[in-house]
Amino acid sequence: KEREFVAAINWSGSSTYYADSVKGRFTIFRDNARNT
């Protein structure tokens, strides 16, 4: 299969975006203090 988008997050973590197939099940978040 082709590479598929799952989720994205902005630098501050204030904005996120999900593929419909994972919405409500997956959560993207970040810890900038850990660059993770």
All heavy atoms as atom14 arrays in JSON, in Angstrom:
{
  "sequence": "KEREFVAAINWSGSSTYYADSVKGRFTIFRDNARNT",
  "atom14_mask": [
    [1, 1, 1, 1, 1, 1, 1, 1, 1, 0, 0, 0, 0, 0],
    [1, 1, 1, 1, 1, 1, 1, 1, 1, 0, 0, 0, 0, 0],
    [1, 1, 1, 1, 1, 1, 1, 1, 1, 1, 1, 0, 0, 0],
    [1, 1, 1, 1, 1, 1, 1, 1, 1, 0, 0, 0, 0, 0],
    [1, 1, 1, 1, 1, 1, 1, 1, 1, 1, 1, 0, 0, 0],
    [1, 1, 1, 1, 1, 1, 1, 0, 0, 0, 0, 0, 0, 0],
    [1, 1, 1, 1, 1, 0, 0, 0, 0, 0, 0, 0, 0, 0],
    [1, 1, 1, 1, 1, 0, 0, 0, 0, 0, 0, 0, 0, 0],
    [1, 1, 1, 1, 1, 1, 1, 1, 0, 0, 0, 0, 0, 0],
    [1, 1, 1, 1, 1, 1, 1, 1, 0, 0, 0, 0, 0, 0],
    [1, 1, 1, 1, 1, 1, 1, 1, 1, 1, 1, 1, 1, 1],
    [1, 1, 1, 1, 1, 1, 0, 0, 0, 0, 0, 0, 0, 0],
    [1, 1, 1, 1, 0, 0, 0, 0, 0, 0, 0, 0, 0, 0],
    [1, 1, 1, 1, 1, 1, 0, 0, 0, 0, 0, 0, 0, 0],
    [1, 1, 1, 1, 1, 1, 0, 0, 0, 0, 0, 0, 0, 0],
    [1, 1, 1, 1, 1, 1, 1, 0, 0, 0, 0, 0, 0, 0],
    [1, 1, 1, 1, 1, 1, 1, 1, 1, 1, 1, 1, 0, 0],
    [1, 1, 1, 1, 1, 1, 1, 1, 1, 1, 1, 1, 0, 0],
    [1, 1, 1, 1, 1, 0, 0, 0, 0, 0, 0, 0, 0, 0],
    [1, 1, 1, 1, 1, 1, 1, 1, 0, 0, 0, 0, 0, 0],
    [1, 1, 1, 1, 1, 1, 0, 0, 0, 0, 0, 0, 0, 0],
    [1, 1, 1, 1, 1, 1, 1, 0, 0, 0, 0, 0, 0, 0],
    [1, 1, 1, 1, 1, 1, 1, 1, 1, 0, 0, 0, 0, 0],
    [1, 1, 1, 1, 0, 0, 0, 0, 0, 0, 0, 0, 0, 0],
    [1, 1, 1, 1, 1, 1, 1, 1, 1, 1, 1, 0, 0, 0],
    [1, 1, 1, 1, 1, 1, 1, 1, 1, 1, 1, 0, 0, 0],
    [1, 1, 1, 1, 1, 1, 1, 0, 0, 0, 0, 0, 0, 0],
    [1, 1, 1, 1, 1, 1, 1, 1, 0, 0, 0, 0, 0, 0],
    [1, 1, 1, 1, 1, 1, 1, 1, 1, 1, 1, 0, 0, 0],
    [1, 1, 1, 1, 1, 1, 1, 1, 1, 1, 1, 0, 0, 0],
    [1, 1, 1, 1, 1, 1, 1, 1, 0, 0, 0, 0, 0, 0],
    [1, 1, 1, 1, 1, 1, 1, 1, 0, 0, 0, 0, 0, 0],
    [1, 1, 1, 1, 1, 0, 0, 0, 0, 0, 0, 0, 0, 0],
    [1, 1, 1, 1, 1, 1, 1, 1, 1, 1, 1, 0, 0, 0],
    [1, 1, 1, 1, 1, 1, 1, 1, 0, 0, 0, 0, 0, 0],
    [1, 1, 1, 1, 1, 1, 1, 0, 0, 0, 0, 0, 0, 0]
  ],
  "atom14_positions": [
    [[0.84, -1.21, 0.0], [0.0, 0.0, 0.0], [0.87, 1.25, 0.0], [2.05, 1.21, 0.36], [-0.92, 0.01, 1.21], [-1.96, -1.11, 1.2], [-2.96, -0.94, 2.32], [-4.04, -2.0, 2.26], [-5.04, -1.81, 3.36], [0.0, 0.0, 0.0], [0.0, 0.0, 0.0], [0.0, 0.0, 0.0], [0.0, 0.0, 0.0], [0.0, 0.0, 0.0]],
    [[0.26, 2.36, -0.38], [0.97, 3.63, -0.36], [1.07, 4.15, 1.07], [0.29, 3.79, 1.94], [0.25, 4.65, -1.24], [0.28, 4.33, -2.72], [-0.27, 5.45, -3.57], [-0.79, 6.42, -3.01], [-0.16, 5.36, -4.8], [0.0, 0.0, 0.0], [0.0, 0.0, 0.0], [0.0, 0.0, 0.0], [0.0, 0.0, 0.0], [0.0, 0.0, 0.0]],
    [[2.04, 5.03, 1.25], [2.19, 5.67, 2.55], [0.94, 6.51, 2.83], [0.45, 7.24, 1.98], [3.43, 6.55, 2.54], [3.74, 7.21, 3.86], [5.11, 7.87, 3.8], [6.18, 6.9, 4.0], [7.47, 7.19, 3.88], [7.84, 8.41, 3.52], [8.39, 6.27, 4.08], [0.0, 0.0, 0.0], [0.0, 0.0, 0.0], [0.0, 0.0, 0.0]],
    [[0.45, 6.4, 4.06], [-0.82, 7.03, 4.44], [-0.63, 7.99, 5.6], [0.02, 7.65, 6.6], [-1.81, 5.92, 4.84], [-3.15, 6.39, 5.37], [-3.97, 5.26, 5.96], [-3.38, 4.23, 6.36], [-5.2, 5.4, 6.03], [0.0, 0.0, 0.0], [0.0, 0.0, 0.0], [0.0, 0.0, 0.0], [0.0, 0.0, 0.0], [0.0, 0.0, 0.0]],
    [[-1.2, 9.15, 5.48], [-1.16, 10.13, 6.57], [-1.98, 9.62, 7.74], [-3.08, 9.07, 7.57], [-1.72, 11.46, 6.08], [-1.94, 12.47, 7.17], [-0.89, 13.23, 7.65], [-3.2, 12.66, 7.71], [-1.09, 14.16, 8.66], [-3.41, 13.59, 8.71], [-2.36, 14.34, 9.18], [0.0, 0.0, 0.0], [0.0, 0.0, 0.0], [0.0, 0.0, 0.0]],
    [[-1.47, 9.84, 8.95], [-2.17, 9.43, 10.16], [-2.58, 10.64, 11.01], [-3.76, 10.8, 11.34], [-1.31, 8.47, 11.0], [-2.02, 8.11, 12.31], [-0.96, 7.22, 10.22], [0.0, 0.0, 0.0], [0.0, 0.0, 0.0], [0.0, 0.0, 0.0], [0.0, 0.0, 0.0], [0.0, 0.0, 0.0], [0.0, 0.0, 0.0], [0.0, 0.0, 0.0]],
    [[-1.61, 11.47, 11.34], [-1.9, 12.61, 12.23], [-0.77, 13.62, 12.13], [0.34, 13.28, 11.74], [-2.06, 12.13, 13.67], [0.0, 0.0, 0.0], [0.0, 0.0, 0.0], [0.0, 0.0, 0.0], [0.0, 0.0, 0.0], [0.0, 0.0, 0.0], [0.0, 0.0, 0.0], [0.0, 0.0, 0.0], [0.0, 0.0, 0.0], [0.0, 0.0, 0.0]],
    [[-1.08, 14.86, 12.51], [-0.07, 15.91, 12.54], [-0.35, 16.85, 13.7], [-1.48, 16.94, 14.2], [-0.05, 16.68, 11.23], [0.0, 0.0, 0.0], [0.0, 0.0, 0.0], [0.0, 0.0, 0.0], [0.0, 0.0, 0.0], [0.0, 0.0, 0.0], [0.0, 0.0, 0.0], [0.0, 0.0, 0.0], [0.0, 0.0, 0.0], [0.0, 0.0, 0.0]],
    [[0.71, 17.56, 14.11], [0.59, 18.48, 15.23], [1.5, 19.67, 14.98], [2.58, 19.53, 14.4], [0.95, 17.75, 16.55], [0.66, 18.62, 17.77], [2.42, 17.3, 16.55], [0.73, 17.85, 19.08], [0.0, 0.0, 0.0], [0.0, 0.0, 0.0], [0.0, 0.0, 0.0], [0.0, 0.0, 0.0], [0.0, 0.0, 0.0], [0.0, 0.0, 0.0]],
    [[1.07, 20.85, 15.42], [1.9, 22.02, 15.22], [2.96, 22.11, 16.32], [3.02, 21.28, 17.22], [1.05, 23.29, 15.15], [0.37, 23.63, 16.46], [0.3, 22.8, 17.37], [-0.14, 24.84, 16.58], [0.0, 0.0, 0.0], [0.0, 0.0, 0.0], [0.0, 0.0, 0.0], [0.0, 0.0, 0.0], [0.0, 0.0, 0.0], [0.0, 0.0, 0.0]],
    [[3.8, 23.14, 16.23], [4.93, 23.23, 17.15], [4.49, 23.32, 18.61], [5.03, 22.63, 19.48], [5.79, 24.44, 16.81], [6.82, 24.76, 17.84], [6.81, 25.78, 18.72], [8.0, 24.0, 18.14], [7.92, 25.73, 19.53], [8.65, 24.64, 19.2], [8.56, 22.85, 17.59], [9.86, 24.17, 19.72], [9.76, 22.38, 18.11], [10.38, 23.03, 19.16]],
    [[3.49, 24.14, 18.88], [3.08, 24.35, 20.27], [2.22, 23.21, 20.8], [2.02, 23.09, 22.01], [2.31, 25.66, 20.4], [1.07, 25.57, 19.71], [0.0, 0.0, 0.0], [0.0, 0.0, 0.0], [0.0, 0.0, 0.0], [0.0, 0.0, 0.0], [0.0, 0.0, 0.0], [0.0, 0.0, 0.0], [0.0, 0.0, 0.0], [0.0, 0.0, 0.0]],
    [[1.69, 22.41, 19.89], [0.79, 21.35, 20.31], [-0.66, 21.81, 20.42], [-1.53, 21.05, 20.82], [0.0, 0.0, 0.0], [0.0, 0.0, 0.0], [0.0, 0.0, 0.0], [0.0, 0.0, 0.0], [0.0, 0.0, 0.0], [0.0, 0.0, 0.0], [0.0, 0.0, 0.0], [0.0, 0.0, 0.0], [0.0, 0.0, 0.0], [0.0, 0.0, 0.0]],
    [[-0.92, 23.05, 20.06], [-2.26, 23.6, 20.2], [-3.19, 23.19, 19.08], [-4.42, 23.35, 19.2], [-2.19, 25.13, 20.25], [-1.65, 25.63, 19.05], [0.0, 0.0, 0.0], [0.0, 0.0, 0.0], [0.0, 0.0, 0.0], [0.0, 0.0, 0.0], [0.0, 0.0, 0.0], [0.0, 0.0, 0.0], [0.0, 0.0, 0.0], [0.0, 0.0, 0.0]],
    [[-2.64, 22.67, 18.01], [-3.46, 22.29, 16.86], [-3.04, 20.91, 16.36], [-1.85, 20.62, 16.24], [-3.3, 23.32, 15.74], [-4.12, 23.0, 14.64], [0.0, 0.0, 0.0], [0.0, 0.0, 0.0], [0.0, 0.0, 0.0], [0.0, 0.0, 0.0], [0.0, 0.0, 0.0], [0.0, 0.0, 0.0], [0.0, 0.0, 0.0], [0.0, 0.0, 0.0]],
    [[-4.05, 20.08, 16.09], [-3.8, 18.73, 15.6], [-4.73, 18.42, 14.43], [-5.74, 19.11, 14.23], [-4.01, 17.68, 16.7], [-5.35, 17.81, 17.21], [-3.03, 17.86, 17.84], [0.0, 0.0, 0.0], [0.0, 0.0, 0.0], [0.0, 0.0, 0.0], [0.0, 0.0, 0.0], [0.0, 0.0, 0.0], [0.0, 0.0, 0.0], [0.0, 0.0, 0.0]],
    [[-4.37, 17.38, 13.71], [-5.15, 16.99, 12.54], [-5.03, 15.48, 12.38], [-3.93, 14.94, 12.55], [-4.6, 17.71, 11.3], [-5.34, 17.46, 10.02], [-6.71, 17.65, 9.91], [-4.65, 17.05, 8.88], [-7.38, 17.43, 8.72], [-5.31, 16.83, 7.68], [-6.67, 17.02, 7.61], [-7.33, 16.82, 6.42], [0.0, 0.0, 0.0], [0.0, 0.0, 0.0]],
    [[-6.15, 14.82, 12.1], [-6.16, 13.37, 12.04], [-6.8, 12.86, 10.76], [-7.73, 13.47, 10.21], [-6.95, 12.79, 13.23], [-6.34, 13.06, 14.57], [-6.72, 14.17, 15.31], [-5.37, 12.2, 15.1], [-6.15, 14.42, 16.56], [-4.8, 12.44, 16.34], [-5.21, 13.56, 17.05], [-4.65, 13.81, 18.29], [0.0, 0.0, 0.0], [0.0, 0.0, 0.0]],
    [[-6.33, 11.72, 10.32], [-7.02, 11.01, 9.26], [-8.34, 10.48, 9.82], [-8.42, 10.13, 11.01], [-6.16, 9.85, 8.75], [0.0, 0.0, 0.0], [0.0, 0.0, 0.0], [0.0, 0.0, 0.0], [0.0, 0.0, 0.0], [0.0, 0.0, 0.0], [0.0, 0.0, 0.0], [0.0, 0.0, 0.0], [0.0, 0.0, 0.0], [0.0, 0.0, 0.0]],
    [[-9.34, 10.4, 8.98], [-10.64, 9.93, 9.43], [-10.57, 8.52, 10.01], [-11.31, 8.17, 10.93], [-11.64, 9.96, 8.27], [-12.05, 11.36, 7.88], [-11.84, 12.3, 8.68], [-12.57, 11.53, 6.76], [0.0, 0.0, 0.0], [0.0, 0.0, 0.0], [0.0, 0.0, 0.0], [0.0, 0.0, 0.0], [0.0, 0.0, 0.0], [0.0, 0.0, 0.0]],
    [[-9.66, 7.73, 9.48], [-9.58, 6.33, 9.88], [-9.09, 6.14, 11.32], [-9.28, 5.08, 11.91], [-8.66, 5.56, 8.93], [-7.37, 6.14, 8.92], [0.0, 0.0, 0.0], [0.0, 0.0, 0.0], [0.0, 0.0, 0.0], [0.0, 0.0, 0.0], [0.0, 0.0, 0.0], [0.0, 0.0, 0.0], [0.0, 0.0, 0.0], [0.0, 0.0, 0.0]],
    [[-8.47, 7.17, 11.89], [-7.93, 7.04, 13.25], [-8.56, 8.03, 14.22], [-8.3, 7.95, 15.43], [-6.39, 7.21, 13.26], [-5.74, 6.26, 12.27], [-5.99, 8.65, 12.97], [0.0, 0.0, 0.0], [0.0, 0.0, 0.0], [0.0, 0.0, 0.0], [0.0, 0.0, 0.0], [0.0, 0.0, 0.0], [0.0, 0.0, 0.0], [0.0, 0.0, 0.0]],
    [[-9.37, 8.91, 13.72], [-9.97, 9.94, 14.57], [-10.78, 9.28, 15.68], [-11.57, 8.38, 15.46], [-10.86, 10.85, 13.71], [-11.16, 12.2, 14.31], [-11.91, 13.07, 13.31], [-11.07, 13.39, 12.1], [-11.78, 14.29, 11.15], [0.0, 0.0, 0.0], [0.0, 0.0, 0.0], [0.0, 0.0, 0.0], [0.0, 0.0, 0.0], [0.0, 0.0, 0.0]],
    [[-10.56, 9.75, 16.9], [-11.26, 9.2, 18.05], [-10.55, 8.02, 18.68], [-10.91, 7.59, 19.79], [0.0, 0.0, 0.0], [0.0, 0.0, 0.0], [0.0, 0.0, 0.0], [0.0, 0.0, 0.0], [0.0, 0.0, 0.0], [0.0, 0.0, 0.0], [0.0, 0.0, 0.0], [0.0, 0.0, 0.0], [0.0, 0.0, 0.0], [0.0, 0.0, 0.0]],
    [[-9.56, 7.46, 18.01], [-8.81, 6.32, 18.55], [-7.36, 6.68, 18.81], [-6.76, 6.17, 19.76], [-8.87, 5.14, 17.57], [-10.25, 4.63, 17.28], [-10.21, 3.35, 16.45], [-9.57, 3.53, 15.16], [-8.48, 2.87, 14.77], [-7.91, 1.98, 15.55], [-7.95, 3.09, 13.56], [0.0, 0.0, 0.0], [0.0, 0.0, 0.0], [0.0, 0.0, 0.0]],
    [[-6.78, 7.5, 17.96], [-5.37, 7.89, 18.08], [-5.28, 9.33, 18.56], [-6.13, 10.17, 18.23], [-4.66, 7.79, 16.72], [-4.46, 6.38, 16.21], [-5.09, 5.29, 16.79], [-3.63, 6.16, 15.12], [-4.9, 4.01, 16.3], [-3.42, 4.89, 14.62], [-4.07, 3.82, 15.21], [0.0, 0.0, 0.0], [0.0, 0.0, 0.0], [0.0, 0.0, 0.0]],
    [[-4.21, 9.6, 19.31], [-3.95, 10.95, 19.79], [-2.49, 11.29, 19.55], [-1.6, 10.53, 19.95], [-4.26, 11.09, 21.28], [-5.64, 10.74, 21.52], [-4.04, 12.52, 21.76], [0.0, 0.0, 0.0], [0.0, 0.0, 0.0], [0.0, 0.0, 0.0], [0.0, 0.0, 0.0], [0.0, 0.0, 0.0], [0.0, 0.0, 0.0], [0.0, 0.0, 0.0]],
    [[-2.25, 12.43, 18.92], [-0.89, 12.92, 18.73], [-0.65, 14.05, 19.73], [-1.52, 14.9, 19.95], [-0.66, 13.39, 17.28], [0.81, 13.75, 17.06], [-1.59, 14.54, 16.91], [1.15, 14.02, 15.58], [0.0, 0.0, 0.0], [0.0, 0.0, 0.0], [0.0, 0.0, 0.0], [0.0, 0.0, 0.0], [0.0, 0.0, 0.0], [0.0, 0.0, 0.0]],
    [[0.5, 14.02, 20.37], [0.86, 15.09, 21.29], [2.37, 15.19, 21.35], [3.09, 14.29, 20.86], [0.25, 14.88, 22.68], [0.65, 13.61, 23.38], [1.61, 13.62, 24.38], [0.05, 12.4, 23.06], [1.97, 12.45, 25.04], [0.4, 11.22, 23.72], [1.37, 11.25, 24.71], [0.0, 0.0, 0.0], [0.0, 0.0, 0.0], [0.0, 0.0, 0.0]],
    [[2.87, 16.27, 21.91], [4.31, 16.47, 21.91], [4.78, 17.05, 23.22], [4.04, 17.74, 23.91], [4.72, 17.34, 20.73], [4.24, 18.76, 20.74], [4.41, 19.41, 19.35], [5.8, 19.44, 18.93], [6.19, 19.73, 17.68], [5.29, 19.99, 16.75], [7.48, 19.74, 17.37], [0.0, 0.0, 0.0], [0.0, 0.0, 0.0], [0.0, 0.0, 0.0]],
    [[6.02, 16.79, 23.53], [6.7, 17.33, 24.7], [7.94, 18.03, 24.17], [8.97, 17.39, 23.92], [7.05, 16.21, 25.68], [7.74, 16.72, 26.93], [8.16, 17.89, 26.95], [7.88, 15.94, 27.89], [0.0, 0.0, 0.0], [0.0, 0.0, 0.0], [0.0, 0.0, 0.0], [0.0, 0.0, 0.0], [0.0, 0.0, 0.0], [0.0, 0.0, 0.0]],
    [[7.87, 19.34, 24.0], [8.98, 20.06, 23.4], [10.21, 20.11, 24.3], [11.32, 20.28, 23.82], [8.55, 21.47, 23.0], [7.67, 21.47, 21.77], [7.65, 20.51, 20.99], [6.91, 22.53, 21.58], [0.0, 0.0, 0.0], [0.0, 0.0, 0.0], [0.0, 0.0, 0.0], [0.0, 0.0, 0.0], [0.0, 0.0, 0.0], [0.0, 0.0, 0.0]],
    [[10.01, 19.97, 25.58], [11.16, 19.93, 26.49], [12.02, 18.7, 26.21], [13.22, 18.7, 26.47], [10.68, 19.93, 27.93], [0.0, 0.0, 0.0], [0.0, 0.0, 0.0], [0.0, 0.0, 0.0], [0.0, 0.0, 0.0], [0.0, 0.0, 0.0], [0.0, 0.0, 0.0], [0.0, 0.0, 0.0], [0.0, 0.0, 0.0], [0.0, 0.0, 0.0]],
    [[11.38, 17.66, 25.69], [12.09, 16.42, 25.34], [12.25, 16.26, 23.83], [12.72, 15.23, 23.37], [11.35, 15.21, 25.91], [11.4, 15.1, 27.42], [10.63, 13.87, 27.9], [10.9, 13.57, 29.3], [10.29, 14.17, 30.31], [9.38, 15.08, 30.08], [10.59, 13.84, 31.56], [0.0, 0.0, 0.0], [0.0, 0.0, 0.0], [0.0, 0.0, 0.0]],
    [[11.83, 17.28, 23.08], [11.88, 17.21, 21.6], [11.24, 15.92, 21.09], [11.76, 15.26, 20.18], [13.32, 17.31, 21.1], [13.89, 18.71, 21.25], [13.17, 19.69, 21.16], [15.19, 18.79, 21.48], [0.0, 0.0, 0.0], [0.0, 0.0, 0.0], [0.0, 0.0, 0.0], [0.0, 0.0, 0.0], [0.0, 0.0, 0.0], [0.0, 0.0, 0.0]],
    [[10.13, 15.56, 21.68], [9.5, 14.28, 21.38], [8.04, 14.46, 20.99], [7.32, 15.23, 21.63], [9.61, 13.32, 22.58], [10.98, 13.15, 22.93], [9.0, 11.97, 22.26], [0.0, 0.0, 0.0], [0.0, 0.0, 0.0], [0.0, 0.0, 0.0], [0.0, 0.0, 0.0], [0.0, 0.0, 0.0], [0.0, 0.0, 0.0], [0.0, 0.0, 0.0]]
  ]
}
